[in-house]
């Protein structure tokens, strides 16, 4: 099977199997694509409703409430309190997660995928989400380089484009520095054994 055929086959499968998620993750706004779901009347609910302000004000993950919701750039957000909602509405760019809330480690490989609201880190005043502790640990092995790679792929390939098309492309045509989940887990284990990882 040729690389091109595999890419288009992957794209077709993703398209046919993910119409709901495809729509939720690709709103028609400046903040797109995003790690979002459709829930009730919310077509693009960011991070399953996690309060993006609480990471900064409380240093903690908090689930937001539909009672305190807001919309920004076509995306819905929820907050744990009216105060957090007001803070967001005054300065949304300060609180929005980088890379649309996708796993920052995945974005370093050009893959906008995953991202668990309870796995996060603030770096230089910006919020980054990860696909779990293992993904965060892998990113932290070379945080400066991984942040530069993620920023490069987000700006050059992902931002403003369809997340499913990008994901299919980079699962078939991998970046030169690609490492599998197993390779990353082994690297983290070696770093922890040597005392170099958190």
Protein backbone atom coordinates (compact mmCIF):
# COMPACT_ATOMS: atom_id res chain seq x y z
CA UNK A 1 0.00 0.00 0.00
CA UNK A 2 1.47 3.36 -0.97
CA UNK A 3 1.90 6.14 1.58
CA UNK A 4 -0.58 8.34 -0.31
CA UNK A 5 -3.22 5.59 -0.46
CA UNK A 6 -2.77 4.87 3.26
CA UNK A 7 -3.22 8.55 4.06
CA UNK A 8 -6.45 8.83 2.08
CA UNK A 9 -7.77 5.55 3.50
CA UNK A 10 -7.07 6.82 7.04
CA UNK A 11 -8.74 10.11 6.22
CA UNK A 12 -11.83 8.35 4.85
CA UNK A 13 -12.14 6.12 7.93
CA UNK A 14 -11.78 9.08 10.26
CA UNK A 15 -14.28 11.12 8.29
CA UNK A 16 -16.93 8.40 8.27
CA UNK A 17 -16.45 7.42 11.91
CA UNK A 18 -16.13 10.80 13.55
CA UNK A 19 -18.65 13.32 12.23
CA UNK A 20 -19.73 14.42 15.74
CA UNK A 21 -16.22 14.80 17.15
CA UNK A 22 -14.99 16.28 13.87
CA UNK A 23 -17.58 19.04 14.10
CA UNK A 24 -16.99 19.64 17.82
CA UNK A 25 -13.23 19.96 17.43
CA UNK A 26 -13.29 22.25 14.42
CA UNK A 27 -15.37 25.35 15.18
CA UNK A 28 -15.51 28.19 12.69
CA UNK A 29 -13.54 30.68 14.74
CA UNK A 30 -10.05 31.98 15.36
CA UNK A 31 -9.48 29.48 18.19
CA UNK A 32 -9.54 26.28 16.15
CA UNK A 33 -9.06 23.36 16.19
CA UNK A 34 -9.85 22.65 19.82
CA UNK A 35 -10.05 19.73 22.22
CA UNK A 36 -13.83 19.96 22.51
CA UNK A 37 -16.93 17.83 22.66
CA UNK A 38 -20.57 18.43 21.84
CA UNK A 39 -22.73 18.29 24.96
CA UNK A 40 -26.37 19.28 25.05
CA UNK A 41 -26.70 22.65 23.37
CA UNK A 42 -22.94 23.23 23.49
CA UNK A 43 -21.51 22.33 20.08
CA UNK A 44 -17.86 23.05 21.01
CA UNK A 45 -17.37 22.57 24.78
CA UNK A 46 -13.67 23.04 25.55
CA UNK A 47 -11.94 20.42 27.74
CA UNK A 48 -15.26 18.77 28.63
CA UNK A 49 -16.13 21.85 30.67
CA UNK A 50 -12.97 22.24 32.78
CA UNK A 51 -12.55 25.69 34.36
CA UNK A 52 -9.51 27.16 32.57
CA UNK A 53 -9.22 30.01 35.10
CA UNK A 54 -8.89 27.72 38.15
CA UNK A 55 -5.51 26.48 36.92
CA UNK A 56 -4.22 30.02 37.44
CA UNK A 57 -6.21 31.18 40.48
CA UNK A 58 -6.19 27.93 42.47
CA UNK A 59 -3.33 26.01 40.89
CA UNK A 60 -5.78 23.15 40.42
CA UNK A 61 -8.03 21.40 37.94
CA UNK A 62 -11.71 22.17 38.59
CA UNK A 63 -14.73 21.14 36.62
CA UNK A 64 -16.89 24.07 35.53
CA UNK A 65 -20.66 24.33 35.82
CA UNK A 66 -23.18 25.01 33.05
CA UNK A 67 -24.46 27.76 35.36
CA UNK A 68 -21.25 29.74 34.72
CA UNK A 69 -20.63 29.42 31.02
CA UNK A 70 -19.22 31.71 28.38
CA UNK A 71 -18.45 31.66 24.66
CA UNK A 72 -15.27 32.82 22.99
CA UNK A 73 -14.32 32.52 19.30
CA UNK A 74 -17.05 29.93 18.71
CA UNK A 75 -16.02 27.78 21.70
CA UNK A 76 -18.00 27.22 24.90
CA UNK A 77 -16.31 27.26 28.29
CA UNK A 78 -17.53 26.53 31.80
CA UNK A 79 -16.31 27.91 35.11
CA UNK A 80 -16.56 26.86 38.74
CA UNK A 81 -17.68 30.33 39.85
CA UNK A 82 -19.02 33.65 38.62
CA UNK A 83 -15.69 35.21 39.61
CA UNK A 84 -13.73 32.88 37.34
CA UNK A 85 -16.13 33.53 34.49
CA UNK A 86 -15.66 37.29 34.93
CA UNK A 87 -11.86 36.92 34.99
CA UNK A 88 -11.97 34.94 31.75
CA UNK A 89 -14.28 37.39 30.02
CA UNK A 90 -11.97 40.30 30.91
CA UNK A 91 -8.88 38.61 29.46
CA UNK A 92 -9.63 35.37 27.57
CA UNK A 93 -6.22 35.08 25.89
CA UNK A 94 -4.57 34.83 29.30
CA UNK A 95 -6.53 31.72 30.27
CA UNK A 96 -7.10 29.75 27.06
CA UNK A 97 -4.96 26.62 26.89
CA UNK A 98 -2.25 26.59 24.27
CA UNK A 99 -2.60 24.37 21.20
CA UNK A 100 -6.39 24.34 21.49
CA UNK A 101 -6.21 22.28 24.67
CA UNK A 102 -4.80 19.27 22.85
CA UNK A 103 -2.00 17.21 24.38
CA UNK A 104 1.09 19.41 24.07
CA UNK A 105 3.29 16.34 23.69
CA UNK A 106 1.19 15.14 20.75
CA UNK A 107 1.34 18.57 19.12
CA UNK A 108 5.17 18.34 19.32
CA UNK A 109 4.73 15.49 16.80
CA UNK A 110 2.26 17.44 14.68
CA UNK A 111 -0.67 15.40 16.05
CA UNK A 112 -3.60 17.32 17.60
CA UNK A 113 -5.03 14.54 19.72
CA UNK A 114 -6.08 13.89 23.27
CA UNK A 115 -5.58 16.07 26.25
CA UNK A 116 -6.87 15.42 29.75
CA UNK A 117 -7.93 18.49 31.70
CA UNK A 118 -6.47 17.04 34.89
CA UNK A 119 -2.99 16.68 33.34
CA UNK A 120 -1.58 20.17 32.88
CA UNK A 121 1.25 22.61 33.50
CA UNK A 122 1.69 26.37 33.40
CA UNK A 123 4.87 27.35 31.58
CA UNK A 124 5.84 31.02 31.38
CA UNK A 125 2.30 32.07 32.30
CA UNK A 126 0.59 29.89 29.68
CA UNK A 127 -1.55 26.79 30.19
CA UNK A 128 -0.53 23.51 28.54
CA UNK A 129 -2.64 20.34 28.63
CA UNK A 130 -1.29 16.78 28.35
CA UNK A 131 -2.75 13.38 27.54
CA UNK A 132 -1.95 11.99 30.99
CA UNK A 133 1.02 11.91 33.35
CA UNK A 134 3.12 9.76 31.01
CA UNK A 135 2.68 12.26 28.21
CA UNK A 136 3.57 15.14 30.53
CA UNK A 137 6.65 13.28 31.76
CA UNK A 138 7.78 12.66 28.16
CA UNK A 139 7.32 16.34 27.30
CA UNK A 140 9.34 17.39 30.35
CA UNK A 141 12.33 15.26 29.29
CA UNK A 142 13.27 18.13 26.97
CA UNK A 143 10.68 20.79 27.72
CA UNK A 144 12.40 23.62 25.85
CA UNK A 145 12.83 21.64 22.62
CA UNK A 146 9.39 20.01 22.84
CA UNK A 147 7.75 23.38 23.40
CA UNK A 148 9.58 24.79 20.36
CA UNK A 149 8.52 21.79 18.24
CA UNK A 150 4.89 22.02 19.39
CA UNK A 151 4.81 25.75 18.68
CA UNK A 152 6.30 25.18 15.23
CA UNK A 153 3.82 22.46 14.25
CA UNK A 154 0.87 24.36 15.70
CA UNK A 155 1.75 27.53 13.80
CA UNK A 156 2.81 25.90 10.52
CA UNK A 157 0.37 22.98 10.17
CA UNK A 158 -2.39 22.77 12.76
CA UNK A 159 -3.85 26.16 13.70
CA UNK A 160 -6.88 27.01 11.60
CA UNK A 161 -6.94 23.59 9.92
CA UNK A 162 -9.07 20.50 10.41
CA UNK A 163 -7.79 18.45 13.35
CA UNK A 164 -8.83 15.12 11.83
CA UNK A 165 -7.07 15.77 8.52
CA UNK A 166 -3.91 16.85 10.36
CA UNK A 167 -4.07 13.85 12.68
CA UNK A 168 -4.48 11.43 9.78
CA UNK A 169 -1.63 13.08 7.89
CA UNK A 170 0.82 12.89 10.80
CA UNK A 171 -0.14 9.35 11.76
CA UNK A 172 0.85 8.27 8.25
CA UNK A 173 3.60 10.78 7.42
CA UNK A 174 5.46 11.00 10.71
CA UNK A 175 7.73 13.84 11.74
CA UNK A 176 11.48 13.08 11.61
CA UNK A 177 11.80 13.01 15.41
CA UNK A 178 8.78 10.73 15.97
CA UNK A 179 8.88 8.35 18.93
CA UNK A 180 6.23 5.77 19.73
CA UNK A 181 4.43 5.73 23.06
CA UNK A 182 6.57 2.78 24.09
CA UNK A 183 9.80 4.60 23.18
CA UNK A 184 8.70 7.65 25.16
CA UNK A 185 7.71 5.53 28.17
CA UNK A 186 11.11 3.82 28.09
CA UNK A 187 12.89 7.18 27.89
CA UNK A 188 10.89 8.45 30.88
CA UNK A 189 11.66 5.27 32.85
CA UNK A 190 15.39 5.63 32.11
CA UNK A 191 15.33 9.30 33.15
CA UNK A 192 13.50 8.47 36.39
CA UNK A 193 15.96 5.66 37.14
CA UNK A 194 18.81 8.11 36.61
CA UNK A 195 17.07 10.73 38.77
CA UNK A 196 16.46 13.10 35.86
CA UNK A 197 12.67 13.13 35.64
CA UNK A 198 10.02 14.34 38.06
